[in-house]
């Protein structure tokens, strides 16, 4: 069984907000202390579904 960490709605909202103002995945990940792959997954899901939290 793998360990997973569910991000709070505040963190996922912050990731999307930072992306909207033009920051890249790497910069967002570094600022928030999250993995770049996690940031990328959240942004891709947001782009596809236009909502945050429900599918993350």
PDB file of N, CA and C in Angstrom:
ATOM      1  N   UNK A   1       0.843  -1.172   0.000  1.00  0.00           N
ATOM      2  CA  UNK A   1       0.000   0.000   0.000  1.00  0.00           C
ATOM      3  C   UNK A   1       0.893   1.242   0.000  1.00  0.00           C
ATOM      4  N   UNK A   2       0.587   2.189  -0.871  1.00  0.00           N
ATOM      5  CA  UNK A   2       1.403   3.389  -0.965  1.00  0.00           C
ATOM      6  C   UNK A   2       0.892   4.461  -0.021  1.00  0.00           C
ATOM      7  N   UNK A   3       1.795   5.304   0.384  1.00  0.00           N
ATOM      8  CA  UNK A   3       1.421   6.426   1.239  1.00  0.00           C
ATOM      9  C   UNK A   3       0.996   7.582   0.343  1.00  0.00           C
ATOM     10  N   UNK A   4      -0.102   8.202   0.689  1.00  0.00           N
ATOM     11  CA  UNK A   4      -0.548   9.371  -0.060  1.00  0.00           C
ATOM     12  C   UNK A   4      -0.826  10.499   0.911  1.00  0.00           C
ATOM     13  N   UNK A   5      -0.700  11.702   0.420  1.00  0.00           N
ATOM     14  CA  UNK A   5      -0.955  12.877   1.235  1.00  0.00           C
ATOM     15  C   UNK A   5      -2.001  13.714   0.510  1.00  0.00           C
ATOM     16  N   UNK A   6      -3.125  13.889   1.122  1.00  0.00           N
ATOM     17  CA  UNK A   6      -4.164  14.697   0.507  1.00  0.00           C
ATOM     18  C   UNK A   6      -3.904  16.160   0.836  1.00  0.00           C
ATOM     19  N   UNK A   7      -3.853  16.985  -0.194  1.00  0.00           N
ATOM     20  CA  UNK A   7      -3.615  18.407   0.008  1.00  0.00           C
ATOM     21  C   UNK A   7      -4.904  19.103   0.408  1.00  0.00           C
ATOM     22  N   UNK A   8      -4.771  20.124   1.224  1.00  0.00           N
ATOM     23  CA  UNK A   8      -5.951  20.884   1.636  1.00  0.00           C
ATOM     24  C   UNK A   8      -6.464  21.713   0.461  1.00  0.00           C
ATOM     25  N   UNK A   9      -7.700  22.112   0.548  1.00  0.00           N
ATOM     26  CA  UNK A   9      -8.305  22.955  -0.490  1.00  0.00           C
ATOM     27  C   UNK A   9      -7.529  24.265  -0.621  1.00  0.00           C
ATOM     28  N   UNK A  10      -7.053  24.795   0.505  1.00  0.00           N
ATOM     29  CA  UNK A  10      -6.280  26.039   0.468  1.00  0.00           C
ATOM     30  C   UNK A  10      -5.020  25.895  -0.384  1.00  0.00           C
ATOM     31  N   UNK A  11      -4.326  24.775  -0.225  1.00  0.00           N
ATOM     32  CA  UNK A  11      -3.088  24.550  -0.982  1.00  0.00           C
ATOM     33  C   UNK A  11      -3.393  24.375  -2.465  1.00  0.00           C
ATOM     34  N   UNK A  12      -4.409  23.597  -2.787  1.00  0.00           N
ATOM     35  CA  UNK A  12      -4.736  23.396  -4.205  1.00  0.00           C
ATOM     36  C   UNK A  12      -5.207  24.706  -4.846  1.00  0.00           C
ATOM     37  N   UNK A  13      -5.971  25.498  -4.111  1.00  0.00           N
ATOM     38  CA  UNK A  13      -6.391  26.810  -4.620  1.00  0.00           C
ATOM     39  C   UNK A  13      -5.184  27.707  -4.860  1.00  0.00           C
ATOM     40  N   UNK A  14      -4.236  27.680  -3.942  1.00  0.00           N
ATOM     41  CA  UNK A  14      -3.032  28.504  -4.060  1.00  0.00           C
ATOM     42  C   UNK A  14      -2.216  28.082  -5.284  1.00  0.00           C
ATOM     43  N   UNK A  15      -2.115  26.782  -5.524  1.00  0.00           N
ATOM     44  CA  UNK A  15      -1.390  26.279  -6.700  1.00  0.00           C
ATOM     45  C   UNK A  15      -2.024  26.816  -7.979  1.00  0.00           C
ATOM     46  N   UNK A  16      -3.333  26.727  -8.075  1.00  0.00           N
ATOM     47  CA  UNK A  16      -4.034  27.208  -9.272  1.00  0.00           C
ATOM     48  C   UNK A  16      -3.895  28.725  -9.403  1.00  0.00           C
ATOM     49  N   UNK A  17      -4.026  29.447  -8.297  1.00  0.00           N
ATOM     50  CA  UNK A  17      -3.883  30.908  -8.338  1.00  0.00           C
ATOM     51  C   UNK A  17      -2.495  31.324  -8.817  1.00  0.00           C
ATOM     52  N   UNK A  18      -1.463  30.676  -8.310  1.00  0.00           N
ATOM     53  CA  UNK A  18      -0.100  31.000  -8.737  1.00  0.00           C
ATOM     54  C   UNK A  18       0.103  30.665 -10.212  1.00  0.00           C
ATOM     55  N   UNK A  19      -0.501  29.583 -10.675  1.00  0.00           N
ATOM     56  CA  UNK A  19      -0.412  29.222 -12.091  1.00  0.00           C
ATOM     57  C   UNK A  19      -1.122  30.269 -12.957  1.00  0.00           C
ATOM     58  N   UNK A  20      -2.255  30.753 -12.488  1.00  0.00           N
ATOM     59  CA  UNK A  20      -3.015  31.757 -13.249  1.00  0.00           C
ATOM     60  C   UNK A  20      -2.223  33.046 -13.449  1.00  0.00           C
ATOM     61  N   UNK A  21      -1.361  33.403 -12.485  1.00  0.00           N
ATOM     62  CA  UNK A  21      -0.570  34.629 -12.632  1.00  0.00           C
ATOM     63  C   UNK A  21       0.731  34.395 -13.394  1.00  0.00           C
ATOM     64  N   UNK A  22       0.926  33.163 -13.872  1.00  0.00           N
ATOM     65  CA  UNK A  22       2.032  32.907 -14.772  1.00  0.00           C
ATOM     66  C   UNK A  22       3.236  32.173 -14.213  1.00  0.00           C
ATOM     67  N   UNK A  23       3.178  31.710 -12.984  1.00  0.00           N
ATOM     68  CA  UNK A  23       4.309  30.966 -12.429  1.00  0.00           C
ATOM     69  C   UNK A  23       4.320  29.541 -12.972  1.00  0.00           C
ATOM     70  N   UNK A  24       5.513  28.989 -13.115  1.00  0.00           N
ATOM     71  CA  UNK A  24       5.670  27.629 -13.620  1.00  0.00           C
ATOM     72  C   UNK A  24       5.550  26.597 -12.514  1.00  0.00           C
ATOM     73  N   UNK A  25       5.454  25.337 -12.920  1.00  0.00           N
ATOM     74  CA  UNK A  25       5.307  24.231 -11.963  1.00  0.00           C
ATOM     75  C   UNK A  25       6.450  24.202 -10.957  1.00  0.00           C
ATOM     76  N   UNK A  26       7.668  24.354 -11.463  1.00  0.00           N
ATOM     77  CA  UNK A  26       8.845  24.259 -10.596  1.00  0.00           C
ATOM     78  C   UNK A  26       8.853  25.380  -9.552  1.00  0.00           C
ATOM     79  N   UNK A  27       8.539  26.588  -9.961  1.00  0.00           N
ATOM     80  CA  UNK A  27       8.511  27.729  -9.048  1.00  0.00           C
ATOM     81  C   UNK A  27       7.422  27.562  -8.003  1.00  0.00           C
ATOM     82  N   UNK A  28       6.244  27.133  -8.432  1.00  0.00           N
ATOM     83  CA  UNK A  28       5.129  26.916  -7.504  1.00  0.00           C
ATOM     84  C   UNK A  28       5.495  25.830  -6.499  1.00  0.00           C
ATOM     85  N   UNK A  29       6.053  24.743  -6.983  1.00  0.00           N
ATOM     86  CA  UNK A  29       6.433  23.632  -6.105  1.00  0.00           C
ATOM     87  C   UNK A  29       7.445  24.088  -5.057  1.00  0.00           C
ATOM     88  N   UNK A  30       8.418  24.850  -5.481  1.00  0.00           N
ATOM     89  CA  UNK A  30       9.448  25.322  -4.560  1.00  0.00           C
ATOM     90  C   UNK A  30       8.849  26.273  -3.515  1.00  0.00           C
ATOM     91  N   UNK A  31       7.981  27.180  -3.943  1.00  0.00           N
ATOM     92  CA  UNK A  31       7.365  28.145  -3.021  1.00  0.00           C
ATOM     93  C   UNK A  31       6.504  27.465  -1.971  1.00  0.00           C
ATOM     94  N   UNK A  32       5.787  26.420  -2.365  1.00  0.00           N
ATOM     95  CA  UNK A  32       4.835  25.779  -1.460  1.00  0.00           C
ATOM     96  C   UNK A  32       5.380  24.519  -0.793  1.00  0.00           C
ATOM     97  N   UNK A  33       6.580  24.100  -1.191  1.00  0.00           N
ATOM     98  CA  UNK A  33       7.174  22.912  -0.585  1.00  0.00           C
ATOM     99  C   UNK A  33       6.512  21.611  -1.001  1.00  0.00           C
ATOM    100  N   UNK A  34       5.974  21.589  -2.210  1.00  0.00           N
ATOM    101  CA  UNK A  34       5.339  20.382  -2.750  1.00  0.00           C
ATOM    102  C   UNK A  34       6.183  19.853  -3.903  1.00  0.00           C
ATOM    103  N   UNK A  35       5.930  18.620  -4.302  1.00  0.00           N
ATOM    104  CA  UNK A  35       6.641  18.037  -5.438  1.00  0.00           C
ATOM    105  C   UNK A  35       6.127  18.653  -6.733  1.00  0.00           C
ATOM    106  N   UNK A  36       7.024  18.790  -7.691  1.00  0.00           N
ATOM    107  CA  UNK A  36       6.645  19.364  -8.977  1.00  0.00           C
ATOM    108  C   UNK A  36       5.606  18.491  -9.679  1.00  0.00           C
ATOM    109  N   UNK A  37       5.701  17.183  -9.533  1.00  0.00           N
ATOM    110  CA  UNK A  37       4.722  16.294 -10.162  1.00  0.00           C
ATOM    111  C   UNK A  37       3.334  16.480  -9.551  1.00  0.00           C
ATOM    112  N   UNK A  38       3.276  16.752  -8.260  1.00  0.00           N
ATOM    113  CA  UNK A  38       1.999  17.000  -7.589  1.00  0.00           C
ATOM    114  C   UNK A  38       1.376  18.289  -8.108  1.00  0.00           C
ATOM    115  N   UNK A  39       2.194  19.327  -8.197  1.00  0.00           N
ATOM    116  CA  UNK A  39       1.721  20.616  -8.714  1.00  0.00           C
ATOM    117  C   UNK A  39       1.207  20.436 -10.143  1.00  0.00           C
ATOM    118  N   UNK A  40       1.958  19.723 -10.961  1.00  0.00           N
ATOM    119  CA  UNK A  40       1.550  19.484 -12.348  1.00  0.00           C
ATOM    120  C   UNK A  40       0.236  18.735 -12.438  1.00  0.00           C
ATOM    121  N   UNK A  41       0.068  17.728 -11.595  1.00  0.00           N
ATOM    122  CA  UNK A  41      -1.174  16.942 -11.610  1.00  0.00           C
ATOM    123  C   UNK A  41      -2.374  17.808 -11.235  1.00  0.00           C
ATOM    124  N   UNK A  42      -2.208  18.650 -10.235  1.00  0.00           N
ATOM    125  CA  UNK A  42      -3.306  19.523  -9.804  1.00  0.00           C
ATOM    126  C   UNK A  42      -3.678  20.496 -10.915  1.00  0.00           C
ATOM    127  N   UNK A  43      -2.681  21.091 -11.551  1.00  0.00           N
ATOM    128  CA  UNK A  43      -2.950  22.056 -12.622  1.00  0.00           C
ATOM    129  C   UNK A  43      -3.592  21.370 -13.825  1.00  0.00           C
ATOM    130  N   UNK A  44      -3.109  20.182 -14.193  1.00  0.00           N
ATOM    131  CA  UNK A  44      -3.716  19.458 -15.323  1.00  0.00           C
ATOM    132  C   UNK A  44      -5.176  19.115 -15.035  1.00  0.00           C
ATOM    133  N   UNK A  45      -5.463  18.669 -13.825  1.00  0.00           N
ATOM    134  CA  UNK A  45      -6.848  18.345 -13.462  1.00  0.00           C
ATOM    135  C   UNK A  45      -7.709  19.597 -13.458  1.00  0.00           C
ATOM    136  N   UNK A  46      -7.146  20.706 -12.998  1.00  0.00           N
ATOM    137  CA  UNK A  46      -7.886  21.965 -13.000  1.00  0.00           C
ATOM    138  C   UNK A  46      -8.184  22.399 -14.443  1.00  0.00           C
ATOM    139  N   UNK A  47      -7.212  22.290 -15.320  1.00  0.00           N
ATOM    140  CA  UNK A  47      -7.422  22.670 -16.721  1.00  0.00           C
ATOM    141  C   UNK A  47      -8.504  21.811 -17.369  1.00  0.00           C
ATOM    142  N   UNK A  48      -8.529  20.537 -17.035  1.00  0.00           N
ATOM    143  CA  UNK A  48      -9.494  19.617 -17.635  1.00  0.00           C
ATOM    144  C   UNK A  48     -10.904  19.832 -17.087  1.00  0.00           C
ATOM    145  N   UNK A  49     -11.021  20.005 -15.769  1.00  0.00           N
ATOM    146  CA  UNK A  49     -12.337  20.051 -15.131  1.00  0.00           C
ATOM    147  C   UNK A  49     -12.774  21.443 -14.687  1.00  0.00           C
ATOM    148  N   UNK A  50     -11.839  22.405 -14.672  1.00  0.00           N
ATOM    149  CA  UNK A  50     -12.101  23.785 -14.247  1.00  0.00           C
ATOM    150  C   UNK A  50     -12.613  23.900 -12.813  1.00  0.00           C
ATOM    151  N   UNK A  51     -12.307  22.901 -12.004  1.00  0.00           N
ATOM    152  CA  UNK A  51     -12.595  22.984 -10.571  1.00  0.00           C
ATOM    153  C   UNK A  51     -11.411  22.402  -9.817  1.00  0.00           C
ATOM    154  N   UNK A  52     -11.290  22.785  -8.559  1.00  0.00           N
ATOM    155  CA  UNK A  52     -10.180  22.309  -7.741  1.00  0.00           C
ATOM    156  C   UNK A  52     -10.741  21.564  -6.553  1.00  0.00           C
ATOM    157  N   UNK A  53     -10.093  20.475  -6.199  1.00  0.00           N
ATOM    158  CA  UNK A  53     -10.449  19.768  -4.977  1.00  0.00           C
ATOM    159  C   UNK A  53     -11.261  18.512  -5.189  1.00  0.00           C
ATOM    160  N   UNK A  54     -12.283  18.559  -6.017  1.00  0.00           N
ATOM    161  CA  UNK A  54     -13.178  17.427  -6.155  1.00  0.00           C
ATOM    162  C   UNK A  54     -12.496  16.207  -6.764  1.00  0.00           C
ATOM    163  N   UNK A  55     -11.593  16.403  -7.703  1.00  0.00           N
ATOM    164  CA  UNK A  55     -10.955  15.289  -8.401  1.00  0.00           C
ATOM    165  C   UNK A  55      -9.519  15.066  -7.952  1.00  0.00           C
ATOM    166  N   UNK A  56      -9.099  15.736  -6.915  1.00  0.00           N
ATOM    167  CA  UNK A  56      -7.698  15.674  -6.493  1.00  0.00           C
ATOM    168  C   UNK A  56      -7.567  14.852  -5.248  1.00  0.00           C
TER     169      UNK A  56
END
